[in-house]
């Protein structure tokens, strides 16, 4: 289902793709081109007024990679509730988790996606 995205959100998402963190780039290299069991992920996607780090629409799975500024963020919790109410599952990983344990992060993403695809 396509959604009208305000031009400023599209521009901001494009800027974020060009200016990704190291952890986001590492995870993107693992997720891109359907490398994880054929799952199609997109990055820096504007949706419902938010910019999502990574999303797999087929599994209704959102993956966020966070730095320290996100610790105990009320805004992040509100955003997660918004997407969970819409039927998405949100996974959050710290930058350090991605940089030091990319295999474990990818396994967690794969297991969650497979579980969600098995639900439907």
C-alpha atoms as a PDB file:
ATOM      1  CA  UNK A   1       0.000   0.000   0.000  1.00  0.00           C
ATOM      2  CA  UNK A   2       1.597   3.223  -1.195  1.00  0.00           C
ATOM      3  CA  UNK A   3       1.352   6.264   0.981  1.00  0.00           C
ATOM      4  CA  UNK A   4       1.720   9.936   0.118  1.00  0.00           C
ATOM      5  CA  UNK A   5       5.028  11.053   1.600  1.00  0.00           C
ATOM      6  CA  UNK A   6       5.642  14.769   2.136  1.00  0.00           C
ATOM      7  CA  UNK A   7       8.552  15.926  -0.052  1.00  0.00           C
ATOM      8  CA  UNK A   8      10.540  17.092   2.994  1.00  0.00           C
ATOM      9  CA  UNK A   9      10.351  13.571   4.509  1.00  0.00           C
ATOM     10  CA  UNK A  10      11.522  12.016   1.244  1.00  0.00           C
ATOM     11  CA  UNK A  11      14.419  14.508   1.067  1.00  0.00           C
ATOM     12  CA  UNK A  12      15.375  13.863   4.700  1.00  0.00           C
ATOM     13  CA  UNK A  13      15.292  10.080   4.182  1.00  0.00           C
ATOM     14  CA  UNK A  14      17.523  10.449   1.119  1.00  0.00           C
ATOM     15  CA  UNK A  15      19.977  12.551   3.170  1.00  0.00           C
ATOM     16  CA  UNK A  16      19.986   9.936   5.943  1.00  0.00           C
ATOM     17  CA  UNK A  17      20.776   7.176   3.418  1.00  0.00           C
ATOM     18  CA  UNK A  18      23.768   9.182   2.229  1.00  0.00           C
ATOM     19  CA  UNK A  19      24.881   9.979   5.785  1.00  0.00           C
ATOM     20  CA  UNK A  20      24.386   6.624   7.545  1.00  0.00           C
ATOM     21  CA  UNK A  21      26.246   5.639  10.691  1.00  0.00           C
ATOM     22  CA  UNK A  22      28.919   2.952  10.512  1.00  0.00           C
ATOM     23  CA  UNK A  23      26.600   0.489  12.276  1.00  0.00           C
ATOM     24  CA  UNK A  24      23.774   1.205   9.814  1.00  0.00           C
ATOM     25  CA  UNK A  25      26.160   0.650   6.898  1.00  0.00           C
ATOM     26  CA  UNK A  26      27.392  -2.648   8.342  1.00  0.00           C
ATOM     27  CA  UNK A  27      23.840  -3.904   8.839  1.00  0.00           C
ATOM     28  CA  UNK A  28      22.770  -2.685   5.396  1.00  0.00           C
ATOM     29  CA  UNK A  29      25.587  -4.686   3.783  1.00  0.00           C
ATOM     30  CA  UNK A  30      24.136  -7.787   5.467  1.00  0.00           C
ATOM     31  CA  UNK A  31      20.470  -7.063   4.659  1.00  0.00           C
ATOM     32  CA  UNK A  32      20.654  -5.660   1.130  1.00  0.00           C
ATOM     33  CA  UNK A  33      19.948  -7.615  -2.030  1.00  0.00           C
ATOM     34  CA  UNK A  34      17.788 -10.194  -0.227  1.00  0.00           C
ATOM     35  CA  UNK A  35      20.893 -11.781   1.328  1.00  0.00           C
ATOM     36  CA  UNK A  36      19.021 -13.012   4.396  1.00  0.00           C
ATOM     37  CA  UNK A  37      16.827 -15.880   3.188  1.00  0.00           C
ATOM     38  CA  UNK A  38      15.435 -13.786   0.322  1.00  0.00           C
ATOM     39  CA  UNK A  39      13.884 -11.133   2.588  1.00  0.00           C
ATOM     40  CA  UNK A  40      13.635  -7.731   0.921  1.00  0.00           C
ATOM     41  CA  UNK A  41      14.672  -4.904   3.211  1.00  0.00           C
ATOM     42  CA  UNK A  42      14.584  -1.210   2.429  1.00  0.00           C
ATOM     43  CA  UNK A  43      16.516   1.422   4.352  1.00  0.00           C
ATOM     44  CA  UNK A  44      15.668   4.908   5.600  1.00  0.00           C
ATOM     45  CA  UNK A  45      12.024   4.610   4.595  1.00  0.00           C
ATOM     46  CA  UNK A  46       9.583   7.428   5.399  1.00  0.00           C
ATOM     47  CA  UNK A  47       6.344   6.000   6.832  1.00  0.00           C
ATOM     48  CA  UNK A  48       3.585   7.616   8.907  1.00  0.00           C
ATOM     49  CA  UNK A  49       5.692  10.710   9.627  1.00  0.00           C
ATOM     50  CA  UNK A  50       8.739   8.717  10.780  1.00  0.00           C
ATOM     51  CA  UNK A  51      11.941   7.644   9.036  1.00  0.00           C
ATOM     52  CA  UNK A  52      12.607   3.932   9.621  1.00  0.00           C
ATOM     53  CA  UNK A  53      16.181   2.625   9.526  1.00  0.00           C
ATOM     54  CA  UNK A  54      15.224  -0.692   7.881  1.00  0.00           C
ATOM     55  CA  UNK A  55      11.922  -2.330   7.006  1.00  0.00           C
ATOM     56  CA  UNK A  56      10.782  -5.620   5.522  1.00  0.00           C
ATOM     57  CA  UNK A  57       7.175  -5.067   4.453  1.00  0.00           C
ATOM     58  CA  UNK A  58       6.591  -8.758   3.719  1.00  0.00           C
ATOM     59  CA  UNK A  59       7.344  -9.737   7.341  1.00  0.00           C
ATOM     60  CA  UNK A  60       6.021  -6.411   8.719  1.00  0.00           C
ATOM     61  CA  UNK A  61       9.353  -6.064  10.499  1.00  0.00           C
ATOM     62  CA  UNK A  62      11.115  -2.793  11.363  1.00  0.00           C
ATOM     63  CA  UNK A  63      14.756  -2.776  12.451  1.00  0.00           C
ATOM     64  CA  UNK A  64      16.266   0.240  14.198  1.00  0.00           C
ATOM     65  CA  UNK A  65      19.953   0.770  14.955  1.00  0.00           C
ATOM     66  CA  UNK A  66      20.386   3.165  17.856  1.00  0.00           C
ATOM     67  CA  UNK A  67      23.170   5.185  19.418  1.00  0.00           C
ATOM     68  CA  UNK A  68      23.291   6.390  23.016  1.00  0.00           C
ATOM     69  CA  UNK A  69      20.942   9.308  22.325  1.00  0.00           C
ATOM     70  CA  UNK A  70      18.105   6.775  22.111  1.00  0.00           C
ATOM     71  CA  UNK A  71      18.563   5.382  25.638  1.00  0.00           C
ATOM     72  CA  UNK A  72      15.182   5.354  27.393  1.00  0.00           C
ATOM     73  CA  UNK A  73      13.683   7.621  24.723  1.00  0.00           C
ATOM     74  CA  UNK A  74       9.978   8.287  25.281  1.00  0.00           C
ATOM     75  CA  UNK A  75       9.640   9.309  21.632  1.00  0.00           C
ATOM     76  CA  UNK A  76      11.055   5.955  20.483  1.00  0.00           C
ATOM     77  CA  UNK A  77       8.651   4.095  22.783  1.00  0.00           C
ATOM     78  CA  UNK A  78       5.714   6.078  21.365  1.00  0.00           C
ATOM     79  CA  UNK A  79       6.875   5.389  17.821  1.00  0.00           C
ATOM     80  CA  UNK A  80       7.245   1.653  18.551  1.00  0.00           C
ATOM     81  CA  UNK A  81       3.706   1.541  19.982  1.00  0.00           C
ATOM     82  CA  UNK A  82       2.393   3.303  16.854  1.00  0.00           C
ATOM     83  CA  UNK A  83       3.906   0.713  14.509  1.00  0.00           C
ATOM     84  CA  UNK A  84       3.084  -2.270  16.722  1.00  0.00           C
ATOM     85  CA  UNK A  85      -0.556  -1.127  16.759  1.00  0.00           C
ATOM     86  CA  UNK A  86      -0.377  -1.168  12.941  1.00  0.00           C
ATOM     87  CA  UNK A  87       0.808  -4.800  12.984  1.00  0.00           C
ATOM     88  CA  UNK A  88       4.571  -4.304  12.713  1.00  0.00           C
ATOM     89  CA  UNK A  89       7.235  -5.760  14.998  1.00  0.00           C
ATOM     90  CA  UNK A  90      10.043  -3.363  15.917  1.00  0.00           C
ATOM     91  CA  UNK A  91      13.507  -4.689  16.721  1.00  0.00           C
ATOM     92  CA  UNK A  92      16.076  -2.298  18.197  1.00  0.00           C
ATOM     93  CA  UNK A  93      19.807  -2.902  18.322  1.00  0.00           C
ATOM     94  CA  UNK A  94      22.549  -0.737  19.779  1.00  0.00           C
ATOM     95  CA  UNK A  95      25.291   0.410  17.389  1.00  0.00           C
ATOM     96  CA  UNK A  96      27.807  -1.610  19.420  1.00  0.00           C
ATOM     97  CA  UNK A  97      25.720  -4.789  19.070  1.00  0.00           C
ATOM     98  CA  UNK A  98      25.796  -4.437  15.286  1.00  0.00           C
ATOM     99  CA  UNK A  99      29.492  -3.589  15.104  1.00  0.00           C
ATOM    100  CA  UNK A 100      30.636  -6.333  17.479  1.00  0.00           C
ATOM    101  CA  UNK A 101      28.079  -9.047  16.746  1.00  0.00           C
ATOM    102  CA  UNK A 102      26.612  -8.692  13.264  1.00  0.00           C
ATOM    103  CA  UNK A 103      26.044 -12.451  12.948  1.00  0.00           C
ATOM    104  CA  UNK A 104      23.913 -12.538  16.100  1.00  0.00           C
ATOM    105  CA  UNK A 105      21.966  -9.462  14.995  1.00  0.00           C
ATOM    106  CA  UNK A 106      21.252 -11.031  11.601  1.00  0.00           C
ATOM    107  CA  UNK A 107      20.207 -14.317  13.225  1.00  0.00           C
ATOM    108  CA  UNK A 108      17.788 -12.455  15.518  1.00  0.00           C
ATOM    109  CA  UNK A 109      16.322 -10.590  12.523  1.00  0.00           C
ATOM    110  CA  UNK A 110      15.988 -13.815  10.534  1.00  0.00           C
ATOM    111  CA  UNK A 111      14.299 -15.705  13.380  1.00  0.00           C
ATOM    112  CA  UNK A 112      11.839 -12.886  13.995  1.00  0.00           C
ATOM    113  CA  UNK A 113      11.042 -12.540  10.281  1.00  0.00           C
ATOM    114  CA  UNK A 114      10.537 -16.265   9.833  1.00  0.00           C
ATOM    115  CA  UNK A 115       8.247 -16.357  12.862  1.00  0.00           C
ATOM    116  CA  UNK A 116       6.172 -13.502  11.492  1.00  0.00           C
ATOM    117  CA  UNK A 117       5.936 -15.024   8.015  1.00  0.00           C
ATOM    118  CA  UNK A 118       4.799 -18.287   9.610  1.00  0.00           C
ATOM    119  CA  UNK A 119       1.945 -16.436  11.384  1.00  0.00           C
ATOM    120  CA  UNK A 120       0.221 -15.433   8.158  1.00  0.00           C
END
